[in-house]
Amino acid sequence: MAKNTICLWCDGTVLEAATFYTSTFPDSELGAIFHAPSDYPSGRQGDVLTVLFTVS
C-alpha cells in the first residue's frame, strides 16, 4: 500500500484538527504534541505548535 506524508497548516487549531481527523478515520492515532518552550511574538509558552498523527 502506498504511504503519503501530508502537512496541514491549522493556525491555532492544530490539536483540534488532529483530534477530529483521528476520531473520523478508524485505526488512526495521535502521536507527539509539541508545545512552545517560551513566549514568542504571536503566542505564549505552552501553546501547541505541531502535532504528529497517523490517519489510516
N, C-alpha and C. Protein backbone atom coordinates (compact mmCIF):
# COMPACT_ATOMS: atom_id res chain seq x y z
N MET A 1 0.84 -1.17 0.00
CA MET A 1 0.00 0.00 0.00
C MET A 1 0.89 1.24 0.00
N ALA A 2 0.52 2.24 -0.78
CA ALA A 2 1.27 3.49 -0.84
C ALA A 2 1.10 4.28 0.45
N LYS A 3 2.15 5.01 0.83
CA LYS A 3 2.09 5.86 2.02
C LYS A 3 2.32 7.30 1.59
N ASN A 4 1.63 8.19 2.23
CA ASN A 4 1.77 9.62 1.95
C ASN A 4 2.11 10.36 3.23
N THR A 5 2.88 11.41 3.09
CA THR A 5 3.15 12.31 4.20
C THR A 5 2.48 13.63 3.87
N ILE A 6 1.61 14.07 4.75
CA ILE A 6 0.83 15.27 4.50
C ILE A 6 1.08 16.26 5.62
N CYS A 7 1.21 17.51 5.27
CA CYS A 7 1.39 18.57 6.24
C CYS A 7 0.17 19.49 6.16
N LEU A 8 -0.49 19.70 7.30
CA LEU A 8 -1.64 20.60 7.37
C LEU A 8 -1.25 21.84 8.17
N TRP A 9 -1.68 23.00 7.72
CA TRP A 9 -1.44 24.22 8.49
C TRP A 9 -2.76 24.61 9.12
N CYS A 10 -2.81 24.62 10.42
CA CYS A 10 -4.02 24.97 11.17
C CYS A 10 -3.63 26.03 12.17
N ASP A 11 -3.74 27.27 11.81
CA ASP A 11 -3.28 28.37 12.64
C ASP A 11 -4.06 28.45 13.94
N GLY A 12 -3.46 27.91 15.01
CA GLY A 12 -4.06 27.98 16.33
C GLY A 12 -5.01 26.85 16.67
N THR A 13 -5.31 25.97 15.72
CA THR A 13 -6.28 24.90 15.98
C THR A 13 -5.74 23.52 15.63
N VAL A 14 -4.43 23.37 15.65
CA VAL A 14 -3.83 22.13 15.19
C VAL A 14 -4.26 20.92 16.01
N LEU A 15 -4.34 21.05 17.32
CA LEU A 15 -4.73 19.91 18.14
C LEU A 15 -6.18 19.53 17.88
N GLU A 16 -7.04 20.50 17.73
CA GLU A 16 -8.44 20.22 17.43
C GLU A 16 -8.58 19.53 16.08
N ALA A 17 -7.82 19.97 15.08
CA ALA A 17 -7.87 19.35 13.75
C ALA A 17 -7.37 17.91 13.81
N ALA A 18 -6.24 17.68 14.47
CA ALA A 18 -5.69 16.33 14.58
C ALA A 18 -6.66 15.41 15.32
N THR A 19 -7.27 15.92 16.37
CA THR A 19 -8.25 15.12 17.13
C THR A 19 -9.45 14.78 16.25
N PHE A 20 -9.91 15.73 15.46
CA PHE A 20 -11.03 15.47 14.54
C PHE A 20 -10.68 14.37 13.54
N TYR A 21 -9.53 14.50 12.87
CA TYR A 21 -9.15 13.51 11.86
C TYR A 21 -8.94 12.13 12.46
N THR A 22 -8.32 12.05 13.63
CA THR A 22 -8.09 10.73 14.21
C THR A 22 -9.38 10.11 14.75
N SER A 23 -10.37 10.92 15.07
CA SER A 23 -11.65 10.35 15.52
C SER A 23 -12.54 9.99 14.34
N THR A 24 -12.26 10.55 13.17
CA THR A 24 -13.08 10.31 11.99
C THR A 24 -12.68 9.03 11.26
N PHE A 25 -11.39 8.74 11.21
CA PHE A 25 -10.89 7.59 10.46
C PHE A 25 -10.49 6.47 11.41
N PRO A 26 -11.03 5.27 11.23
CA PRO A 26 -10.70 4.14 12.09
C PRO A 26 -9.20 3.84 12.06
N ASP A 27 -8.69 3.30 13.14
CA ASP A 27 -7.28 2.90 13.27
C ASP A 27 -6.30 4.07 13.13
N SER A 28 -6.75 5.28 13.40
CA SER A 28 -5.87 6.45 13.38
C SER A 28 -5.51 6.80 14.82
N GLU A 29 -4.40 7.54 14.98
CA GLU A 29 -3.99 7.86 16.34
C GLU A 29 -3.19 9.15 16.42
N LEU A 30 -3.31 9.81 17.56
CA LEU A 30 -2.49 10.98 17.86
C LEU A 30 -1.12 10.51 18.28
N GLY A 31 -0.12 11.29 17.91
CA GLY A 31 1.25 11.00 18.34
C GLY A 31 1.75 12.10 19.25
N ALA A 32 2.95 12.55 19.01
CA ALA A 32 3.58 13.58 19.84
C ALA A 32 2.90 14.93 19.65
N ILE A 33 2.81 15.67 20.74
CA ILE A 33 2.28 17.03 20.72
C ILE A 33 3.40 17.94 21.20
N PHE A 34 3.79 18.91 20.36
CA PHE A 34 4.90 19.80 20.67
C PHE A 34 4.38 21.17 21.07
N HIS A 35 4.85 21.62 22.23
CA HIS A 35 4.42 22.90 22.80
C HIS A 35 5.55 23.93 22.70
N ALA A 36 5.18 25.21 22.65
CA ALA A 36 6.18 26.28 22.64
C ALA A 36 6.92 26.29 23.98
N PRO A 37 8.25 26.32 23.95
CA PRO A 37 9.01 26.29 25.20
C PRO A 37 8.99 27.63 25.94
N SER A 38 8.65 28.70 25.23
CA SER A 38 8.61 30.02 25.86
C SER A 38 7.68 30.93 25.05
N ASP A 39 7.41 32.11 25.57
CA ASP A 39 6.61 33.08 24.82
C ASP A 39 7.33 33.42 23.52
N TYR A 40 6.57 33.78 22.52
CA TYR A 40 7.14 34.19 21.23
C TYR A 40 6.25 35.30 20.69
N PRO A 41 6.65 35.98 19.60
CA PRO A 41 5.93 37.20 19.18
C PRO A 41 4.41 37.07 19.06
N SER A 42 3.90 35.94 18.58
CA SER A 42 2.45 35.85 18.42
C SER A 42 1.82 34.77 19.31
N GLY A 43 2.52 34.36 20.35
CA GLY A 43 1.97 33.31 21.20
C GLY A 43 2.61 33.23 22.56
N ARG A 44 2.19 32.23 23.30
CA ARG A 44 2.62 32.07 24.68
C ARG A 44 3.29 30.71 24.91
N GLN A 45 4.08 30.66 25.97
CA GLN A 45 4.68 29.40 26.38
C GLN A 45 3.57 28.37 26.57
N GLY A 46 3.79 27.16 26.06
CA GLY A 46 2.81 26.09 26.22
C GLY A 46 1.83 25.96 25.07
N ASP A 47 1.76 26.97 24.18
CA ASP A 47 0.88 26.85 23.02
C ASP A 47 1.26 25.60 22.22
N VAL A 48 0.27 24.92 21.67
CA VAL A 48 0.55 23.76 20.82
C VAL A 48 1.05 24.29 19.47
N LEU A 49 2.24 23.83 19.07
CA LEU A 49 2.83 24.26 17.81
C LEU A 49 2.60 23.24 16.70
N THR A 50 2.90 21.98 16.99
CA THR A 50 2.72 20.92 15.99
C THR A 50 2.21 19.66 16.67
N VAL A 51 1.54 18.84 15.87
CA VAL A 51 1.03 17.56 16.35
C VAL A 51 1.33 16.51 15.29
N LEU A 52 1.90 15.40 15.72
CA LEU A 52 2.09 14.26 14.83
C LEU A 52 0.90 13.34 14.99
N PHE A 53 0.32 12.92 13.88
CA PHE A 53 -0.78 11.97 13.95
C PHE A 53 -0.79 11.10 12.72
N THR A 54 -1.37 9.92 12.86
CA THR A 54 -1.45 8.95 11.78
C THR A 54 -2.91 8.72 11.43
N VAL A 55 -3.21 8.84 10.15
CA VAL A 55 -4.55 8.56 9.65
C VAL A 55 -4.45 7.30 8.81
N SER A 56 -5.18 6.28 9.16
CA SER A 56 -5.11 5.00 8.45
C SER A 56 -6.29 4.83 7.52
